[in-house]
C-alpha atoms as a PDB file:
ATOM      1  CA  UNK A   1     119.006 108.590 111.970  1.00  0.00           C
ATOM      2  CA  UNK A   2     116.829 105.529 112.551  1.00  0.00           C
ATOM      3  CA  UNK A   3     117.633 102.228 110.895  1.00  0.00           C
ATOM      4  CA  UNK A   4     115.358  99.290 110.180  1.00  0.00           C
ATOM      5  CA  UNK A   5     116.199  95.606 110.443  1.00  0.00           C
ATOM      6  CA  UNK A   6     115.459  93.654 107.290  1.00  0.00           C
ATOM      7  CA  UNK A   7     113.600  90.909 109.110  1.00  0.00           C
ATOM      8  CA  UNK A   8     110.772  93.281 110.082  1.00  0.00           C
ATOM      9  CA  UNK A   9     109.433  93.593 106.538  1.00  0.00           C
ATOM     10  CA  UNK A  10     106.571  91.911 104.700  1.00  0.00           C
ATOM     11  CA  UNK A  11     104.955  91.623 101.273  1.00  0.00           C
ATOM     12  CA  UNK A  12     101.165  91.561 100.902  1.00  0.00           C
ATOM     13  CA  UNK A  13      98.973  90.884  97.862  1.00  0.00           C
ATOM     14  CA  UNK A  14      95.410  91.593  96.728  1.00  0.00           C
ATOM     15  CA  UNK A  15      94.111  90.109  93.489  1.00  0.00           C
ATOM     16  CA  UNK A  16      92.431  92.608  91.182  1.00  0.00           C
ATOM     17  CA  UNK A  17      88.688  92.195  91.087  1.00  0.00           C
ATOM     18  CA  UNK A  18      88.570  90.219  94.340  1.00  0.00           C
ATOM     19  CA  UNK A  19      87.608  91.428  97.822  1.00  0.00           C
ATOM     20  CA  UNK A  20      90.488  93.184  99.535  1.00  0.00           C
ATOM     21  CA  UNK A  21      92.313  90.836 101.828  1.00  0.00           C
ATOM     22  CA  UNK A  22      95.955  91.874 101.834  1.00  0.00           C
ATOM     23  CA  UNK A  23      97.249  88.333 102.102  1.00  0.00           C
ATOM     24  CA  UNK A  24     100.823  87.967 103.332  1.00  0.00           C
ATOM     25  CA  UNK A  25     103.171  86.164 100.992  1.00  0.00           C
ATOM     26  CA  UNK A  26     104.578  83.437 103.228  1.00  0.00           C
ATOM     27  CA  UNK A  27     108.218  82.650 103.870  1.00  0.00           C
ATOM     28  CA  UNK A  28     109.628  85.887 102.346  1.00  0.00           C
ATOM     29  CA  UNK A  29     113.436  85.949 102.412  1.00  0.00           C
ATOM     30  CA  UNK A  30     113.975  89.255 100.607  1.00  0.00           C
ATOM     31  CA  UNK A  31     112.277  91.754  98.337  1.00  0.00           C
ATOM     32  CA  UNK A  32     113.234  94.739  96.214  1.00  0.00           C
ATOM     33  CA  UNK A  33     111.459  97.546  94.410  1.00  0.00           C
ATOM     34  CA  UNK A  34     113.038  99.653  91.680  1.00  0.00           C
ATOM     35  CA  UNK A  35     111.547 102.902  90.419  1.00  0.00           C
ATOM     36  CA  UNK A  36     112.956 104.352  87.215  1.00  0.00           C
ATOM     37  CA  UNK A  37     112.437 107.444  85.095  1.00  0.00           C
ATOM     38  CA  UNK A  38     113.103 107.815  81.377  1.00  0.00           C
ATOM     39  CA  UNK A  39     114.542 111.092  80.160  1.00  0.00           C
ATOM     40  CA  UNK A  40     114.342 112.964  76.865  1.00  0.00           C
ATOM     41  CA  UNK A  41     117.478 114.631  75.572  1.00  0.00           C
ATOM     42  CA  UNK A  42     117.030 118.329  74.777  1.00  0.00           C
ATOM     43  CA  UNK A  43     120.637 119.176  73.895  1.00  0.00           C
ATOM     44  CA  UNK A  44     120.990 121.565  70.954  1.00  0.00           C
ATOM     45  CA  UNK A  45     123.873 122.533  68.703  1.00  0.00           C
ATOM     46  CA  UNK A  46     126.244 125.067  70.206  1.00  0.00           C
ATOM     47  CA  UNK A  47     125.975 123.823  73.793  1.00  0.00           C
ATOM     48  CA  UNK A  48     128.807 122.189  75.707  1.00  0.00           C
ATOM     49  CA  UNK A  49     126.723 120.069  78.082  1.00  0.00           C
ATOM     50  CA  UNK A  50     123.847 117.666  77.477  1.00  0.00           C
ATOM     51  CA  UNK A  51     120.417 118.616  78.828  1.00  0.00           C
ATOM     52  CA  UNK A  52     117.418 116.402  79.610  1.00  0.00           C
ATOM     53  CA  UNK A  53     113.773 116.571  80.636  1.00  0.00           C
ATOM     54  CA  UNK A  54     111.968 113.951  82.700  1.00  0.00           C
ATOM     55  CA  UNK A  55     109.671 111.646  80.746  1.00  0.00           C
ATOM     56  CA  UNK A  56     107.811 108.461  81.676  1.00  0.00           C
ATOM     57  CA  UNK A  57     108.321 106.693  85.008  1.00  0.00           C
ATOM     58  CA  UNK A  58     107.897 103.035  85.842  1.00  0.00           C
ATOM     59  CA  UNK A  59     108.660 100.456  88.486  1.00  0.00           C
ATOM     60  CA  UNK A  60     109.309  96.775  88.992  1.00  0.00           C
ATOM     61  CA  UNK A  61     109.833  94.454  91.923  1.00  0.00           C
ATOM     62  CA  UNK A  62     111.007  91.037  92.997  1.00  0.00           C
ATOM     63  CA  UNK A  63     110.350  88.748  95.941  1.00  0.00           C
ATOM     64  CA  UNK A  64     112.445  85.753  97.026  1.00  0.00           C
ATOM     65  CA  UNK A  65     110.706  83.143  99.174  1.00  0.00           C
ATOM     66  CA  UNK A  66     111.110  79.658 100.561  1.00  0.00           C
ATOM     67  CA  UNK A  67     108.680  77.550  98.557  1.00  0.00           C
ATOM     68  CA  UNK A  68     106.160  75.217 100.146  1.00  0.00           C
ATOM     69  CA  UNK A  69     102.969  73.576  98.900  1.00  0.00           C
ATOM     70  CA  UNK A  70     100.895  76.530 100.133  1.00  0.00           C
ATOM     71  CA  UNK A  71     103.194  78.985  98.292  1.00  0.00           C
ATOM     72  CA  UNK A  72     100.361  80.379  96.179  1.00  0.00           C
ATOM     73  CA  UNK A  73      97.497  79.890  98.640  1.00  0.00           C
ATOM     74  CA  UNK A  74      94.979  82.541  97.688  1.00  0.00           C
ATOM     75  CA  UNK A  75      97.533  84.954  96.213  1.00  0.00           C
ATOM     76  CA  UNK A  76      97.152  83.979  92.542  1.00  0.00           C
ATOM     77  CA  UNK A  77     100.830  84.569  91.904  1.00  0.00           C
ATOM     78  CA  UNK A  78     100.904  83.129  88.403  1.00  0.00           C
ATOM     79  CA  UNK A  79     102.605  84.596  85.361  1.00  0.00           C
ATOM     80  CA  UNK A  80     100.236  86.996  83.615  1.00  0.00           C
ATOM     81  CA  UNK A  81      97.983  87.699  86.614  1.00  0.00           C
ATOM     82  CA  UNK A  82      97.420  91.300  87.655  1.00  0.00           C
ATOM     83  CA  UNK A  83      97.685  91.900  91.385  1.00  0.00           C
ATOM     84  CA  UNK A  84      98.012  94.761  93.834  1.00  0.00           C
ATOM     85  CA  UNK A  85     101.201  94.338  95.831  1.00  0.00           C
ATOM     86  CA  UNK A  86     102.463  96.145  98.925  1.00  0.00           C
ATOM     87  CA  UNK A  87     106.109  96.060 100.050  1.00  0.00           C
ATOM     88  CA  UNK A  88     106.595  96.902 103.740  1.00  0.00           C
ATOM     89  CA  UNK A  89     110.075  97.681 105.115  1.00  0.00           C
ATOM     90  CA  UNK A  90     108.423  97.310 108.544  1.00  0.00           C
ATOM     91  CA  UNK A  91     105.232  95.261 108.884  1.00  0.00           C
ATOM     92  CA  UNK A  92     103.329  97.747 111.041  1.00  0.00           C
ATOM     93  CA  UNK A  93      99.958  99.408 110.406  1.00  0.00           C
ATOM     94  CA  UNK A  94     101.575 102.853 110.364  1.00  0.00           C
ATOM     95  CA  UNK A  95     104.818 101.907 108.595  1.00  0.00           C
ATOM     96  CA  UNK A  96     106.016 103.033 105.173  1.00  0.00           C
ATOM     97  CA  UNK A  97     104.660 101.031 102.235  1.00  0.00           C
ATOM     98  CA  UNK A  98     105.590 100.891  98.546  1.00  0.00           C
ATOM     99  CA  UNK A  99     103.519  99.242  95.871  1.00  0.00           C
ATOM    100  CA  UNK A 100     100.745  99.398  93.348  1.00  0.00           C
ATOM    101  CA  UNK A 101      99.070  97.462  90.576  1.00  0.00           C
ATOM    102  CA  UNK A 102     101.376  95.120  88.693  1.00  0.00           C
ATOM    103  CA  UNK A 103     101.568  92.106  86.423  1.00  0.00           C
ATOM    104  CA  UNK A 104     103.385  88.954  87.536  1.00  0.00           C
ATOM    105  CA  UNK A 105     106.102  88.561  84.888  1.00  0.00           C
ATOM    106  CA  UNK A 106     108.014  85.599  86.260  1.00  0.00           C
ATOM    107  CA  UNK A 107     107.971  82.776  88.794  1.00  0.00           C
ATOM    108  CA  UNK A 108     111.136  80.725  89.121  1.00  0.00           C
ATOM    109  CA  UNK A 109     111.427  77.720  91.453  1.00  0.00           C
ATOM    110  CA  UNK A 110     114.816  76.223  92.263  1.00  0.00           C
ATOM    111  CA  UNK A 111     116.232  73.487  94.459  1.00  0.00           C
ATOM    112  CA  UNK A 112     119.539  71.877  95.294  1.00  0.00           C
ATOM    113  CA  UNK A 113     120.364  68.668  97.136  1.00  0.00           C
ATOM    114  CA  UNK A 114     121.850  70.569 100.087  1.00  0.00           C
ATOM    115  CA  UNK A 115     119.480  73.515 100.310  1.00  0.00           C
ATOM    116  CA  UNK A 116     115.918  74.689 100.578  1.00  0.00           C
ATOM    117  CA  UNK A 117     113.433  74.835  97.702  1.00  0.00           C
ATOM    118  CA  UNK A 118     113.168  78.514  96.819  1.00  0.00           C
ATOM    119  CA  UNK A 119     111.085  80.652  94.486  1.00  0.00           C
ATOM    120  CA  UNK A 120     111.655  84.060  92.930  1.00  0.00           C
ATOM    121  CA  UNK A 121     108.751  86.210  91.769  1.00  0.00           C
ATOM    122  CA  UNK A 122     109.117  89.219  89.471  1.00  0.00           C
ATOM    123  CA  UNK A 123     106.502  91.878  88.836  1.00  0.00           C
ATOM    124  CA  UNK A 124     106.193  94.834  86.449  1.00  0.00           C
ATOM    125  CA  UNK A 125     104.274  97.827  87.730  1.00  0.00           C
ATOM    126  CA  UNK A 126     101.450  99.336  85.730  1.00  0.00           C
ATOM    127  CA  UNK A 127     100.830 102.927  86.720  1.00  0.00           C
ATOM    128  CA  UNK A 128     102.668 104.855  89.388  1.00  0.00           C
ATOM    129  CA  UNK A 129     104.470 103.361  92.364  1.00  0.00           C
ATOM    130  CA  UNK A 130     102.910 104.664  95.551  1.00  0.00           C
ATOM    131  CA  UNK A 131     104.840 105.280  98.716  1.00  0.00           C
END
C-alpha cells in the first residue's frame, strides 16, 4: 500500500467565466474535502430493522493558509464568488484530484502576537464532486 506525504498536495482555483488558469492558492497549510449523501427512510410497519435509499449528495471543503498581502491575487476568493476548485493530494499532472464548482461561503483571517497571520476558506460545492 502506497502512502502520500501531506506536504506534496496543492489547491488550485479557476474563476467561473474567466479563462482557465488553475492558479495555485499560495501558502496552503492544510485542506479537506467532505462528500456526503442524504438518505430517505423506507422502513415500514412490521419490520424489525430500518431501511434506507440513497438520495441527494453534496460536498464541501476548507483550506487553511498563511495569509499575506497577495493572498487573493487573481483567485477571487471572496465570500459569494463562484469558483472551480481542485484539491490535489499530490501536485503532479497525473495525480488524483478532487473538486468541482463551488461557492466561497467563508473567509476567516486570524492573528496572534506570537504566531503567523492565517486564513481559513470554506466552500460549498454545487453539483457533483469529481475525483
